Amino acid sequence: MKKLVIVFSVVAVMSSCQHSARQEARLEAATADSLAREAEIQQAKQATIDSMRIAQLEEELAAKEREEANRANQPATVVVQQRKGMNNTAKGALIGAGVGAATGALVSKKRGQGALIGGAVGAGGGAATGAVIDNRKKRRN
């Protein structure tokens, strides 16, 4: 019986050693894999930082070129976007005319005359409001 217990103990110790070796190998593989992932993440972060820095340097270079062009009284190369649609003065006049005509027709006993007067007053008010908005936009630019 003693021999059986000793043999059983030896087998148990040997199998636990092999189990530890397998766990150690798995742990080393997982560590190597996570280190590789970490390196990839660091490379991606560095690439992002580099691209942002390049964009910043390009912007600074363009600003210096514009400044030098202004100093030399030479027009800087500027991309001008084509305007589409109406300005705010025209839009305001149209909207004001429509609202004024509708209001004038509803309020007045003589609908036609009320619509004409309301349209004229509304167009004037809308055009004035649109002109104010256009002037503010010009000042901002």
N, C-alpha and C. Protein backbone atom coordinates (compact mmCIF):
# COMPACT_ATOMS: atom_id res chain seq x y z
N MET A 1 0.80 -1.17 0.00
CA MET A 1 0.00 0.00 0.00
C MET A 1 0.86 1.25 0.00
N LYS A 2 1.95 1.19 0.74
CA LYS A 2 2.85 2.32 0.80
C LYS A 2 3.39 2.62 -0.59
N LYS A 3 3.73 1.59 -1.31
CA LYS A 3 4.30 1.77 -2.64
C LYS A 3 3.25 2.41 -3.57
N LEU A 4 2.03 2.01 -3.41
CA LEU A 4 0.95 2.55 -4.24
C LEU A 4 0.74 4.04 -3.97
N VAL A 5 0.81 4.46 -2.74
CA VAL A 5 0.67 5.87 -2.40
C VAL A 5 1.85 6.65 -2.94
N ILE A 6 3.05 6.10 -2.85
CA ILE A 6 4.25 6.79 -3.36
C ILE A 6 4.15 6.93 -4.88
N VAL A 7 3.76 5.87 -5.57
CA VAL A 7 3.63 5.93 -7.02
C VAL A 7 2.56 6.96 -7.41
N PHE A 8 1.44 6.95 -6.71
CA PHE A 8 0.37 7.89 -6.99
C PHE A 8 0.84 9.34 -6.77
N SER A 9 1.60 9.57 -5.71
CA SER A 9 2.13 10.90 -5.41
C SER A 9 3.10 11.36 -6.49
N VAL A 10 3.97 10.45 -6.93
CA VAL A 10 4.94 10.80 -7.98
C VAL A 10 4.20 11.15 -9.28
N VAL A 11 3.20 10.38 -9.63
CA VAL A 11 2.42 10.64 -10.85
C VAL A 11 1.72 11.99 -10.75
N ALA A 12 1.15 12.28 -9.58
CA ALA A 12 0.46 13.55 -9.39
C ALA A 12 1.42 14.73 -9.52
N VAL A 13 2.59 14.62 -8.94
CA VAL A 13 3.58 15.69 -9.02
C VAL A 13 4.05 15.88 -10.45
N MET A 14 4.28 14.80 -11.16
CA MET A 14 4.75 14.87 -12.54
C MET A 14 3.68 15.51 -13.44
N SER A 15 2.44 15.14 -13.25
CA SER A 15 1.39 15.71 -14.10
C SER A 15 1.18 17.20 -13.79
N SER A 16 1.33 17.58 -12.52
CA SER A 16 1.18 18.99 -12.19
C SER A 16 2.34 19.80 -12.76
N CYS A 17 3.51 19.23 -12.84
CA CYS A 17 4.65 19.93 -13.44
C CYS A 17 4.41 20.15 -14.93
N GLN A 18 3.86 19.13 -15.59
CA GLN A 18 3.58 19.27 -17.01
C GLN A 18 2.48 20.30 -17.22
N HIS A 19 1.50 20.31 -16.35
CA HIS A 19 0.42 21.27 -16.45
C HIS A 19 0.96 22.70 -16.30
N SER A 20 1.88 22.89 -15.37
CA SER A 20 2.49 24.20 -15.17
C SER A 20 3.29 24.62 -16.39
N ALA A 21 3.96 23.68 -17.01
CA ALA A 21 4.73 23.99 -18.20
C ALA A 21 3.81 24.43 -19.34
N ARG A 22 2.67 23.78 -19.46
CA ARG A 22 1.71 24.17 -20.51
C ARG A 22 1.16 25.57 -20.23
N GLN A 23 0.84 25.81 -18.96
CA GLN A 23 0.33 27.13 -18.61
C GLN A 23 1.37 28.21 -18.86
N GLU A 24 2.60 27.91 -18.55
CA GLU A 24 3.67 28.86 -18.76
C GLU A 24 3.84 29.16 -20.25
N ALA A 25 3.75 28.14 -21.09
CA ALA A 25 3.87 28.33 -22.53
C ALA A 25 2.71 29.18 -23.06
N ARG A 26 1.50 28.90 -22.57
CA ARG A 26 0.35 29.71 -22.98
C ARG A 26 0.51 31.16 -22.54
N LEU A 27 1.00 31.33 -21.31
CA LEU A 27 1.20 32.68 -20.78
C LEU A 27 2.23 33.44 -21.61
N GLU A 28 3.31 32.79 -21.98
CA GLU A 28 4.34 33.42 -22.80
C GLU A 28 3.79 33.80 -24.17
N ALA A 29 2.98 32.91 -24.76
CA ALA A 29 2.39 33.20 -26.06
C ALA A 29 1.42 34.38 -25.96
N ALA A 30 0.62 34.41 -24.90
CA ALA A 30 -0.32 35.52 -24.71
C ALA A 30 0.42 36.83 -24.48
N THR A 31 1.50 36.77 -23.73
CA THR A 31 2.29 37.96 -23.47
C THR A 31 2.89 38.49 -24.76
N ALA A 32 3.45 37.59 -25.57
CA ALA A 32 4.04 38.00 -26.84
C ALA A 32 2.99 38.60 -27.76
N ASP A 33 1.79 38.00 -27.76
CA ASP A 33 0.70 38.51 -28.60
C ASP A 33 0.25 39.90 -28.14
N SER A 34 0.12 40.08 -26.83
CA SER A 34 -0.31 41.39 -26.34
C SER A 34 0.76 42.45 -26.56
N LEU A 35 2.04 42.05 -26.48
CA LEU A 35 3.11 43.01 -26.78
C LEU A 35 3.08 43.41 -28.25
N ALA A 36 2.79 42.46 -29.12
CA ALA A 36 2.70 42.77 -30.55
C ALA A 36 1.52 43.72 -30.81
N ARG A 37 0.40 43.47 -30.16
CA ARG A 37 -0.76 44.36 -30.31
C ARG A 37 -0.45 45.76 -29.81
N GLU A 38 0.22 45.82 -28.67
CA GLU A 38 0.59 47.11 -28.10
C GLU A 38 1.51 47.88 -29.06
N ALA A 39 2.44 47.18 -29.68
CA ALA A 39 3.33 47.83 -30.64
C ALA A 39 2.54 48.35 -31.84
N GLU A 40 1.56 47.59 -32.31
CA GLU A 40 0.72 48.04 -33.43
C GLU A 40 -0.08 49.27 -33.04
N ILE A 41 -0.60 49.28 -31.82
CA ILE A 41 -1.38 50.43 -31.35
C ILE A 41 -0.48 51.66 -31.27
N GLN A 42 0.72 51.49 -30.76
CA GLN A 42 1.65 52.61 -30.65
C GLN A 42 2.01 53.15 -32.04
N GLN A 43 2.20 52.25 -33.01
CA GLN A 43 2.51 52.69 -34.37
C GLN A 43 1.35 53.47 -34.97
N ALA A 44 0.13 53.00 -34.72
CA ALA A 44 -1.05 53.71 -35.24
C ALA A 44 -1.17 55.09 -34.61
N LYS A 45 -0.92 55.17 -33.29
CA LYS A 45 -0.98 56.46 -32.61
C LYS A 45 0.07 57.41 -33.17
N GLN A 46 1.27 56.89 -33.37
CA GLN A 46 2.35 57.73 -33.89
C GLN A 46 2.04 58.20 -35.30
N ALA A 47 1.44 57.33 -36.12
CA ALA A 47 1.07 57.72 -37.48
C ALA A 47 0.04 58.84 -37.46
N THR A 48 -0.91 58.76 -36.53
CA THR A 48 -1.91 59.81 -36.40
C THR A 48 -1.27 61.12 -35.98
N ILE A 49 -0.39 61.05 -35.01
CA ILE A 49 0.30 62.25 -34.54
C ILE A 49 1.12 62.86 -35.67
N ASP A 50 1.82 62.02 -36.43
CA ASP A 50 2.63 62.51 -37.54
C ASP A 50 1.78 63.19 -38.60
N SER A 51 0.63 62.59 -38.95
CA SER A 51 -0.21 63.19 -39.98
C SER A 51 -0.80 64.52 -39.50
N MET A 52 -1.13 64.60 -38.21
CA MET A 52 -1.64 65.86 -37.68
C MET A 52 -0.55 66.94 -37.71
N ARG A 53 0.64 66.56 -37.39
CA ARG A 53 1.76 67.51 -37.40
C ARG A 53 2.05 68.00 -38.82
N ILE A 54 1.97 67.09 -39.79
CA ILE A 54 2.19 67.47 -41.19
C ILE A 54 1.12 68.46 -41.62
N ALA A 55 -0.14 68.20 -41.28
CA ALA A 55 -1.22 69.12 -41.63
C ALA A 55 -1.00 70.49 -41.00
N GLN A 56 -0.55 70.50 -39.75
CA GLN A 56 -0.29 71.76 -39.07
C GLN A 56 0.85 72.52 -39.75
N LEU A 57 1.90 71.81 -40.12
CA LEU A 57 3.02 72.47 -40.80
C LEU A 57 2.60 73.01 -42.16
N GLU A 58 1.78 72.27 -42.88
CA GLU A 58 1.29 72.75 -44.18
C GLU A 58 0.45 74.01 -44.01
N GLU A 59 -0.37 74.04 -42.96
CA GLU A 59 -1.19 75.22 -42.70
C GLU A 59 -0.33 76.41 -42.35
N GLU A 60 0.70 76.19 -41.53
CA GLU A 60 1.62 77.28 -41.17
C GLU A 60 2.36 77.79 -42.41
N LEU A 61 2.76 76.89 -43.28
CA LEU A 61 3.45 77.28 -44.51
C LEU A 61 2.54 78.11 -45.40
N ALA A 62 1.29 77.70 -45.53
CA ALA A 62 0.35 78.45 -46.35
C ALA A 62 0.11 79.84 -45.76
N ALA A 63 0.04 79.93 -44.44
CA ALA A 63 -0.15 81.23 -43.79
C ALA A 63 1.05 82.14 -44.04
N LYS A 64 2.25 81.57 -43.97
CA LYS A 64 3.46 82.36 -44.24
C LYS A 64 3.49 82.84 -45.68
N GLU A 65 3.07 81.97 -46.60
CA GLU A 65 3.05 82.37 -48.01
C GLU A 65 2.05 83.49 -48.24
N ARG A 66 0.87 83.41 -47.60
CA ARG A 66 -0.11 84.49 -47.75
C ARG A 66 0.43 85.79 -47.15
N GLU A 67 1.10 85.68 -46.02
CA GLU A 67 1.66 86.86 -45.38
C GLU A 67 2.73 87.50 -46.25
N GLU A 68 3.60 86.68 -46.83
CA GLU A 68 4.63 87.20 -47.72
C GLU A 68 4.02 87.84 -48.96
N ALA A 69 2.96 87.26 -49.49
CA ALA A 69 2.29 87.83 -50.66
C ALA A 69 1.67 89.17 -50.31
N ASN A 70 1.12 89.29 -49.12
CA ASN A 70 0.55 90.57 -48.69
C ASN A 70 1.63 91.62 -48.52
N ARG A 71 2.77 91.22 -48.01
CA ARG A 71 3.88 92.16 -47.81
C ARG A 71 4.39 92.67 -49.14
N ALA A 72 4.43 91.82 -50.12
CA ALA A 72 4.96 92.19 -51.42
C ALA A 72 3.88 92.84 -52.29
N ASN A 73 2.70 93.09 -51.72
CA ASN A 73 1.58 93.67 -52.45
C ASN A 73 1.20 92.85 -53.68
N GLN A 74 1.42 91.58 -53.58
CA GLN A 74 1.01 90.69 -54.64
C GLN A 74 -0.22 89.94 -54.14
N PRO A 75 -1.19 89.80 -55.01
CA PRO A 75 -2.38 89.08 -54.56
C PRO A 75 -2.06 87.63 -54.27
N ALA A 76 -2.52 87.17 -53.15
CA ALA A 76 -2.32 85.76 -52.79
C ALA A 76 -3.28 84.91 -53.60
N THR A 77 -2.87 83.70 -53.85
CA THR A 77 -3.74 82.78 -54.57
C THR A 77 -4.86 82.36 -53.62
N VAL A 78 -6.06 82.79 -53.94
CA VAL A 78 -7.20 82.50 -53.09
C VAL A 78 -8.25 81.80 -53.93
N VAL A 79 -8.79 80.76 -53.39
CA VAL A 79 -9.86 80.06 -54.08
C VAL A 79 -11.16 80.78 -53.77
N VAL A 80 -11.82 81.28 -54.79
CA VAL A 80 -13.06 82.01 -54.62
C VAL A 80 -14.20 81.08 -54.99
N GLN A 81 -15.11 80.92 -54.07
CA GLN A 81 -16.26 80.08 -54.35
C GLN A 81 -17.33 80.91 -55.02
N GLN A 82 -17.96 80.32 -56.01
CA GLN A 82 -18.99 81.01 -56.73
C GLN A 82 -20.25 81.08 -55.88
N ARG A 83 -20.88 82.24 -55.86
CA ARG A 83 -22.10 82.39 -55.09
C ARG A 83 -23.23 81.67 -55.79
N LYS A 84 -24.04 81.04 -55.01
CA LYS A 84 -25.20 80.36 -55.55
C LYS A 84 -26.45 80.97 -54.94
N GLY A 85 -27.41 81.26 -55.75
CA GLY A 85 -28.67 81.76 -55.23
C GLY A 85 -28.67 83.26 -55.03
N MET A 86 -29.65 83.72 -54.25
CA MET A 86 -29.85 85.15 -54.02
C MET A 86 -29.16 85.59 -52.74
N ASN A 87 -28.93 86.91 -52.68
CA ASN A 87 -28.41 87.45 -51.43
C ASN A 87 -29.56 87.63 -50.45
N ASN A 88 -29.24 87.98 -49.24
CA ASN A 88 -30.25 88.09 -48.19
C ASN A 88 -31.21 89.25 -48.42
N THR A 89 -30.76 90.31 -49.12
CA THR A 89 -31.64 91.43 -49.40
C THR A 89 -32.78 91.00 -50.30
N ALA A 90 -32.47 90.26 -51.37
CA ALA A 90 -33.50 89.80 -52.30
C ALA A 90 -34.43 88.78 -51.62
N LYS A 91 -33.85 87.89 -50.84
CA LYS A 91 -34.68 86.92 -50.13
C LYS A 91 -35.64 87.62 -49.17
N GLY A 92 -35.12 88.59 -48.44
CA GLY A 92 -35.96 89.32 -47.49
C GLY A 92 -37.08 90.06 -48.18
N ALA A 93 -36.79 90.66 -49.34
CA ALA A 93 -37.82 91.39 -50.07
C ALA A 93 -38.92 90.44 -50.54
N LEU A 94 -38.55 89.29 -51.06
CA LEU A 94 -39.55 88.33 -51.53
C LEU A 94 -40.40 87.79 -50.39
N ILE A 95 -39.77 87.41 -49.31
CA ILE A 95 -40.51 86.88 -48.17
C ILE A 95 -41.41 87.96 -47.58
N GLY A 96 -40.88 89.16 -47.42
CA GLY A 96 -41.66 90.26 -46.88
C GLY A 96 -42.85 90.60 -47.77
N ALA A 97 -42.66 90.58 -49.08
CA ALA A 97 -43.76 90.87 -50.00
C ALA A 97 -44.86 89.83 -49.88
N GLY A 98 -44.47 88.57 -49.80
CA GLY A 98 -45.46 87.51 -49.68
C GLY A 98 -46.24 87.59 -48.38
N VAL A 99 -45.54 87.75 -47.29
CA VAL A 99 -46.20 87.83 -46.00
C VAL A 99 -47.05 89.10 -45.90
N GLY A 100 -46.50 90.21 -46.40
CA GLY A 100 -47.25 91.47 -46.37
C GLY A 100 -48.51 91.42 -47.21
N ALA A 101 -48.42 90.82 -48.38
CA ALA A 101 -49.60 90.72 -49.25
C ALA A 101 -50.66 89.85 -48.60
N ALA A 102 -50.25 88.72 -48.02
CA ALA A 102 -51.20 87.84 -47.37
C ALA A 102 -51.86 88.53 -46.18
N THR A 103 -51.07 89.21 -45.39
CA THR A 103 -51.60 89.90 -44.22
C THR A 103 -52.53 91.04 -44.64
N GLY A 104 -52.09 91.80 -45.65
CA GLY A 104 -52.92 92.91 -46.13
C GLY A 104 -54.25 92.43 -46.66
N ALA A 105 -54.26 91.31 -47.38
CA ALA A 105 -55.51 90.78 -47.92
C ALA A 105 -56.43 90.31 -46.81
N LEU A 106 -55.89 89.75 -45.76
CA LEU A 106 -56.71 89.26 -44.66
C LEU A 106 -57.26 90.40 -43.79
N VAL A 107 -56.48 91.44 -43.61
CA VAL A 107 -56.86 92.50 -42.69
C VAL A 107 -57.80 93.52 -43.35
N SER A 108 -57.53 93.86 -44.58
CA SER A 108 -58.28 94.92 -45.25
C SER A 108 -59.65 94.44 -45.74
N LYS A 109 -60.58 95.40 -45.79
CA LYS A 109 -61.90 95.09 -46.34
C LYS A 109 -61.82 94.98 -47.85
N LYS A 110 -60.97 95.82 -48.46
CA LYS A 110 -60.72 95.75 -49.90
C LYS A 110 -59.49 94.87 -50.09
N ARG A 111 -59.69 93.61 -50.37
CA ARG A 111 -58.60 92.63 -50.38
C ARG A 111 -57.50 92.96 -51.38
N GLY A 112 -57.83 93.34 -52.56
CA GLY A 112 -56.83 93.65 -53.58
C GLY A 112 -55.95 94.81 -53.18
N GLN A 113 -56.58 95.88 -52.73
CA GLN A 113 -55.83 97.06 -52.32
C GLN A 113 -54.99 96.74 -51.08
N GLY A 114 -55.53 95.99 -50.14
CA GLY A 114 -54.78 95.61 -48.93
C GLY A 114 -53.58 94.73 -49.26
N ALA A 115 -53.76 93.83 -50.24
CA ALA A 115 -52.65 92.96 -50.64
C ALA A 115 -51.54 93.77 -51.29
N LEU A 116 -51.89 94.75 -52.15
CA LEU A 116 -50.86 95.59 -52.79
C LEU A 116 -50.10 96.42 -51.77
N ILE A 117 -50.82 97.05 -50.88
CA ILE A 117 -50.16 97.89 -49.87
C ILE A 117 -49.32 97.02 -48.93
N GLY A 118 -49.89 95.92 -48.46
CA GLY A 118 -49.14 95.03 -47.56
C GLY A 118 -47.92 94.43 -48.23
N GLY A 119 -48.05 94.07 -49.51
CA GLY A 119 -46.90 93.53 -50.25
C GLY A 119 -45.79 94.54 -50.38
N ALA A 120 -46.15 95.81 -50.68
CA ALA A 120 -45.14 96.86 -50.84
C ALA A 120 -44.43 97.13 -49.52
N VAL A 121 -45.21 97.26 -48.45
CA VAL A 121 -44.61 97.52 -47.14
C VAL A 121 -43.75 96.33 -46.69
N GLY A 122 -44.27 95.12 -46.89
CA GLY A 122 -43.51 93.92 -46.51
C GLY A 122 -42.22 93.77 -47.29
N ALA A 123 -42.27 94.07 -48.59
CA ALA A 123 -41.06 93.98 -49.42
C ALA A 123 -40.01 94.97 -48.93
N GLY A 124 -40.43 96.19 -48.61
CA GLY A 124 -39.49 97.19 -48.10
C GLY A 124 -38.86 96.75 -46.79
N GLY A 125 -39.69 96.25 -45.88
CA GLY A 125 -39.16 95.80 -44.58
C GLY A 125 -38.25 94.59 -44.72
N GLY A 126 -38.63 93.65 -45.58
CA GLY A 126 -37.80 92.46 -45.79
C GLY A 126 -36.47 92.79 -46.44
N ALA A 127 -36.50 93.72 -47.41
CA ALA A 127 -35.26 94.13 -48.07
C ALA A 127 -34.33 94.83 -47.09
N ALA A 128 -34.89 95.67 -46.23
CA ALA A 128 -34.07 96.36 -45.23
C ALA A 128 -33.43 95.36 -44.27
N THR A 129 -34.21 94.38 -43.82
CA THR A 129 -33.68 93.37 -42.91
C THR A 129 -32.59 92.54 -43.59
N GLY A 130 -32.83 92.15 -44.84
CA GLY A 130 -31.83 91.38 -45.58
C GLY A 130 -30.55 92.16 -45.81
N ALA A 131 -30.67 93.48 -46.05
CA ALA A 131 -29.49 94.32 -46.25
C ALA A 131 -28.65 94.37 -44.97
N VAL A 132 -29.32 94.44 -43.83
CA VAL A 132 -28.59 94.45 -42.55
C VAL A 132 -27.82 93.14 -42.38
N ILE A 133 -28.45 92.03 -42.71
CA ILE A 133 -27.79 90.72 -42.58
C ILE A 133 -26.60 90.63 -43.53
N ASP A 134 -26.77 91.11 -44.78
CA ASP A 134 -25.66 91.08 -45.74
C ASP A 134 -24.47 91.92 -45.24
N ASN A 135 -24.75 93.09 -44.67
CA ASN A 135 -23.67 93.94 -44.15
C ASN A 135 -22.93 93.26 -43.01
N ARG A 136 -23.65 92.58 -42.15
CA ARG A 136 -22.99 91.86 -41.04
C ARG A 136 -22.08 90.77 -41.56
N LYS A 137 -22.55 90.04 -42.59
CA LYS A 137 -21.72 88.98 -43.16
C LYS A 137 -20.46 89.54 -43.80
N LYS A 138 -20.58 90.71 -44.46
CA LYS A 138 -19.40 91.34 -45.08
C LYS A 138 -18.39 91.74 -44.03
N ARG A 139 -18.86 92.24 -42.90
CA ARG A 139 -17.95 92.66 -41.83
C ARG A 139 -17.20 91.48 -41.24
N ARG A 140 -17.87 90.34 -41.14
CA ARG A 140 -17.24 89.14 -40.57
C ARG A 140 -16.13 88.64 -41.48
N ASN A 141 -16.34 88.74 -42.75
CA ASN A 141 -15.34 88.24 -43.71
C ASN A 141 -14.33 89.28 -43.91
